Amino acid sequence: MKQIKITDKIKALCPQLELGCLSASIQLQAKNDALWQKMLALYEAKKDLPMDKIKDIPAIASSRMAYKALGKAPSRYRLSAEALHRRIVKGQDLYQINNVVDIINCLSIDTGFSIGGYDLDKIAGDILLDLGQANEPYEAIGRGNINIENLPVFRDASGAFGSPTSDSTRTCITNDTQKVLLVFLNFGGHAHLAQALDAAQQLLRDFAAGEELEVWRV
């Protein structure tokens, strides 16, 4: 079990925040057709949602409130779950990355949680959920360097590596990944985190040969 802590400052500003954590050994595939059918079913279920109602999805609404409390504009630094929903409502195709990232996206679309997905072997030591600093280097996946000042970020001995807006290239899941860490950011203390973690375990077993699954909450 990876040691994960939340700084007192974030706890004070986001008192309902809870992290749902899941680690597993997996077998990575470039694509899984059965999983992609589940993704397309979720797409169909969400595509007619009015754009202005996305922010009312409970897990997204509480995350946006948390960003405001931390001093970050949620409409400029979109949460990954909100960005996925907006992509669907706009009629844009979803990216098919690999089976584990596709599982994470399925869970995020289904639950509204922004979920960090990391190669566990690339994380150096214990993890701290902290606020990003001014001018702190951070190369986001597919976005290049972004300003993480006042964003909630996961940090290890080598620096910041993940946020609810975008994870970093340093710890991203690749074709060589064998162990993964998923972190659900539950800013509103929502009860459906338990069901989301159960669903994550089942999807990893069904579509990524998930073994040695460990679940904990912070």
Protein backbone atom coordinates (compact mmCIF):
# COMPACT_ATOMS: atom_id res chain seq x y z
CA MET A 1 0.00 0.00 0.00
CA LYS A 2 1.45 3.35 -1.06
CA GLN A 3 1.65 6.01 1.64
CA ILE A 4 -0.51 8.98 0.59
CA LYS A 5 -1.14 12.08 2.70
CA ILE A 6 -3.03 15.36 2.23
CA THR A 7 -1.52 18.66 3.42
CA ASP A 8 -3.25 20.52 6.24
CA LYS A 9 -3.83 23.52 3.96
CA ILE A 10 -5.80 21.48 1.44
CA LYS A 11 -7.72 19.76 4.27
CA ALA A 12 -8.67 23.17 5.68
CA LEU A 13 -9.85 24.54 2.32
CA CYS A 14 -11.48 21.27 1.17
CA PRO A 15 -12.77 19.68 4.40
CA GLN A 16 -14.88 17.02 2.64
CA LEU A 17 -12.04 15.78 0.44
CA GLU A 18 -11.44 12.04 0.44
CA LEU A 19 -9.14 10.02 -1.82
CA GLY A 20 -10.13 6.60 -3.07
CA CYS A 21 -6.99 4.63 -3.95
CA LEU A 22 -6.52 1.39 -5.87
CA SER A 23 -3.31 -0.37 -6.84
CA ALA A 24 -3.04 -3.44 -9.04
CA SER A 25 -0.80 -5.54 -11.23
CA ILE A 26 -2.17 -5.45 -14.77
CA GLN A 27 -1.59 -6.64 -18.32
CA LEU A 28 -1.59 -3.72 -20.70
CA GLN A 29 -3.24 -3.90 -24.13
CA ALA A 30 -3.32 -1.29 -26.86
CA LYS A 31 -7.08 -1.83 -27.13
CA ASN A 32 -9.86 -4.08 -25.91
CA ASP A 33 -12.95 -4.26 -28.12
CA ALA A 34 -15.36 -5.35 -25.38
CA LEU A 35 -14.20 -2.50 -23.15
CA TRP A 36 -14.56 -0.02 -25.98
CA GLN A 37 -18.19 -1.11 -26.43
CA LYS A 38 -18.80 -0.19 -22.79
CA MET A 39 -17.19 3.18 -23.46
CA LEU A 40 -19.44 3.77 -26.47
CA ALA A 41 -22.52 2.86 -24.42
CA LEU A 42 -21.53 5.48 -21.83
CA TYR A 43 -20.98 7.97 -24.65
CA GLU A 44 -24.50 7.35 -25.95
CA ALA A 45 -25.98 7.73 -22.47
CA LYS A 46 -24.30 11.12 -21.94
CA LYS A 47 -24.29 12.70 -25.40
CA ASP A 48 -27.63 14.52 -25.04
CA LEU A 49 -26.79 16.11 -21.70
CA PRO A 50 -27.09 19.92 -22.02
CA MET A 51 -23.66 21.55 -21.86
CA ASP A 52 -24.70 23.82 -18.99
CA LYS A 53 -25.77 20.82 -16.90
CA ILE A 54 -22.33 19.16 -16.84
CA LYS A 55 -21.22 21.41 -14.00
CA ASP A 56 -24.22 20.20 -11.97
CA ILE A 57 -23.08 16.57 -11.90
CA PRO A 58 -22.45 16.16 -8.15
CA ALA A 59 -18.81 15.04 -8.23
CA ILE A 60 -17.97 17.70 -10.82
CA ALA A 61 -19.86 20.44 -8.96
CA SER A 62 -18.01 19.76 -5.70
CA SER A 63 -14.67 19.61 -7.52
CA ARG A 64 -15.32 22.98 -9.15
CA MET A 65 -16.14 24.46 -5.74
CA ALA A 66 -12.89 23.05 -4.39
CA TYR A 67 -10.89 24.66 -7.21
CA LYS A 68 -12.45 28.01 -6.38
CA ALA A 69 -11.61 27.55 -2.70
CA LEU A 70 -8.00 26.82 -3.67
CA GLY A 71 -7.82 29.92 -5.86
CA LYS A 72 -7.95 28.25 -9.28
CA ALA A 73 -10.56 29.02 -11.97
CA PRO A 74 -12.32 25.72 -12.82
CA SER A 75 -13.45 27.00 -16.23
CA ARG A 76 -9.84 27.73 -17.24
CA TYR A 77 -8.21 24.69 -15.66
CA ARG A 78 -10.90 22.15 -16.44
CA LEU A 79 -11.17 19.05 -14.33
CA SER A 80 -10.47 15.94 -16.38
CA ALA A 81 -13.96 14.52 -15.71
CA GLU A 82 -15.59 17.75 -16.84
CA ALA A 83 -13.39 17.90 -19.94
CA LEU A 84 -14.43 14.33 -20.87
CA HIS A 85 -18.12 15.16 -20.50
CA ARG A 86 -17.76 18.32 -22.57
CA ARG A 87 -16.04 16.35 -25.31
CA ILE A 88 -18.95 13.90 -25.42
CA VAL A 89 -21.62 16.62 -25.46
CA LYS A 90 -19.79 18.38 -28.31
CA GLY A 91 -19.97 15.16 -30.32
CA GLN A 92 -16.19 14.74 -30.42
CA ASP A 93 -14.63 11.28 -30.52
CA LEU A 94 -13.02 9.88 -27.40
CA TYR A 95 -9.40 8.81 -27.50
CA GLN A 96 -8.66 5.09 -27.36
CA ILE A 97 -5.31 5.00 -25.51
CA ASN A 98 -4.88 1.57 -23.91
CA ASN A 99 -7.07 -0.71 -21.83
CA VAL A 100 -6.13 0.81 -18.45
CA VAL A 101 -6.50 4.45 -19.48
CA ASP A 102 -9.78 3.52 -21.21
CA ILE A 103 -10.98 1.93 -17.94
CA ILE A 104 -10.14 5.15 -16.08
CA ASN A 105 -12.06 7.21 -18.64
CA CYS A 106 -15.06 4.88 -18.41
CA LEU A 107 -15.11 5.27 -14.64
CA SER A 108 -14.76 9.05 -14.85
CA ILE A 109 -17.62 9.36 -17.34
CA ASP A 110 -19.81 7.07 -15.26
CA THR A 111 -19.13 8.62 -11.84
CA GLY A 112 -18.08 12.25 -12.46
CA PHE A 113 -14.88 11.77 -10.44
CA SER A 114 -11.59 13.02 -11.83
CA ILE A 115 -9.24 10.06 -11.50
CA GLY A 116 -5.46 10.02 -11.53
CA GLY A 117 -3.89 7.03 -13.24
CA TYR A 118 -0.19 6.33 -12.66
CA ASP A 119 2.54 3.81 -13.34
CA LEU A 120 3.27 2.78 -9.76
CA ASP A 121 6.89 1.92 -10.49
CA LYS A 122 7.56 5.49 -11.67
CA ILE A 123 6.51 7.09 -8.37
CA ALA A 124 9.46 7.87 -6.11
CA GLY A 125 8.62 7.21 -2.48
CA ASP A 126 5.58 8.45 -0.57
CA ILE A 127 2.89 10.71 -2.07
CA LEU A 128 1.61 14.05 -0.82
CA LEU A 129 -1.44 15.91 -2.14
CA ASP A 130 -0.25 19.50 -2.03
CA LEU A 131 -0.75 22.85 -3.76
CA GLY A 132 1.30 23.57 -6.84
CA GLN A 133 3.88 26.34 -6.55
CA ALA A 134 4.54 29.33 -8.79
CA ASN A 135 6.80 28.48 -11.74
CA GLU A 136 6.92 24.82 -10.73
CA PRO A 137 7.77 22.66 -13.78
CA TYR A 138 4.99 20.33 -14.85
CA GLU A 139 4.65 18.66 -18.25
CA ALA A 140 1.04 17.59 -18.70
CA ILE A 141 0.06 14.72 -20.96
CA GLY A 142 -0.75 16.11 -24.41
CA ARG A 143 -0.61 19.72 -23.20
CA GLY A 144 3.04 20.51 -22.56
CA ASN A 145 4.02 22.69 -19.61
CA ILE A 146 1.08 24.08 -17.62
CA ASN A 147 0.80 26.49 -14.70
CA ILE A 148 0.05 24.38 -11.62
CA GLU A 149 0.21 27.20 -9.07
CA ASN A 150 -2.63 26.61 -6.56
CA LEU A 151 -3.75 23.43 -8.34
CA PRO A 152 -4.06 20.36 -6.11
CA VAL A 153 -1.14 18.19 -7.19
CA PHE A 154 0.26 14.84 -6.18
CA ARG A 155 3.92 15.10 -5.29
CA ASP A 156 6.64 12.49 -4.72
CA ALA A 157 10.37 12.75 -4.04
CA SER A 158 10.95 13.96 -7.61
CA GLY A 159 8.25 16.65 -7.65
CA ALA A 160 4.67 17.10 -8.85
CA PHE A 161 3.32 14.32 -11.05
CA GLY A 162 -0.49 14.43 -11.08
CA SER A 163 -3.51 16.72 -10.80
CA PRO A 164 -7.28 16.53 -11.38
CA THR A 165 -6.78 18.76 -14.44
CA SER A 166 -4.09 16.70 -16.14
CA ASP A 167 -1.62 14.03 -15.15
CA SER A 168 2.04 14.37 -16.07
CA THR A 169 4.17 12.57 -18.63
CA ARG A 170 6.64 11.46 -15.92
CA THR A 171 4.37 8.88 -14.27
CA CYS A 172 1.92 8.20 -17.10
CA ILE A 173 0.73 4.71 -18.01
CA THR A 174 2.58 3.35 -21.06
CA ASN A 175 2.95 0.07 -22.92
CA ASP A 176 5.61 -0.98 -20.41
CA THR A 177 3.45 -0.43 -17.32
CA GLN A 178 2.95 -3.47 -15.08
CA LYS A 179 1.58 -1.92 -11.87
CA VAL A 180 -0.90 0.93 -11.65
CA LEU A 181 -2.21 3.32 -9.04
CA LEU A 182 -5.65 4.89 -9.49
CA VAL A 183 -6.70 7.79 -7.26
CA PHE A 184 -10.30 9.06 -7.21
CA LEU A 185 -10.55 12.66 -5.99
CA ASN A 186 -13.77 12.92 -4.02
CA PHE A 187 -13.94 16.61 -3.11
CA GLY A 188 -17.54 16.45 -1.91
CA GLY A 189 -17.45 13.40 0.32
CA HIS A 190 -19.87 11.64 -2.05
CA ALA A 191 -21.12 8.23 -0.94
CA HIS A 192 -20.80 6.69 -4.41
CA LEU A 193 -17.00 6.56 -4.07
CA ALA A 194 -17.39 3.05 -2.61
CA GLN A 195 -19.32 1.86 -5.66
CA ALA A 196 -16.80 3.53 -7.95
CA LEU A 197 -13.91 1.68 -6.31
CA ASP A 198 -15.82 -1.61 -6.58
CA ALA A 199 -16.45 -0.94 -10.27
CA ALA A 200 -12.78 -0.09 -10.84
CA GLN A 201 -11.69 -3.41 -9.35
CA GLN A 202 -14.11 -5.34 -11.53
CA LEU A 203 -13.10 -3.52 -14.72
CA LEU A 204 -9.41 -4.11 -14.03
CA ARG A 205 -10.10 -7.82 -13.46
CA ASP A 206 -12.29 -8.14 -16.55
CA PHE A 207 -10.30 -6.08 -19.04
CA ALA A 208 -6.72 -5.83 -17.73
CA ALA A 209 -6.18 -9.18 -15.97
CA GLY A 210 -5.96 -7.23 -12.71
CA GLU A 211 -4.35 -9.04 -9.78
CA GLU A 212 -3.00 -8.12 -6.34
CA LEU A 213 -5.71 -5.46 -6.05
CA GLU A 214 -5.48 -3.27 -3.00
CA VAL A 215 -8.03 -0.59 -2.07
CA TRP A 216 -7.73 2.10 0.60
CA ARG A 217 -9.09 5.53 1.38
CA VAL A 218 -7.33 8.64 2.64
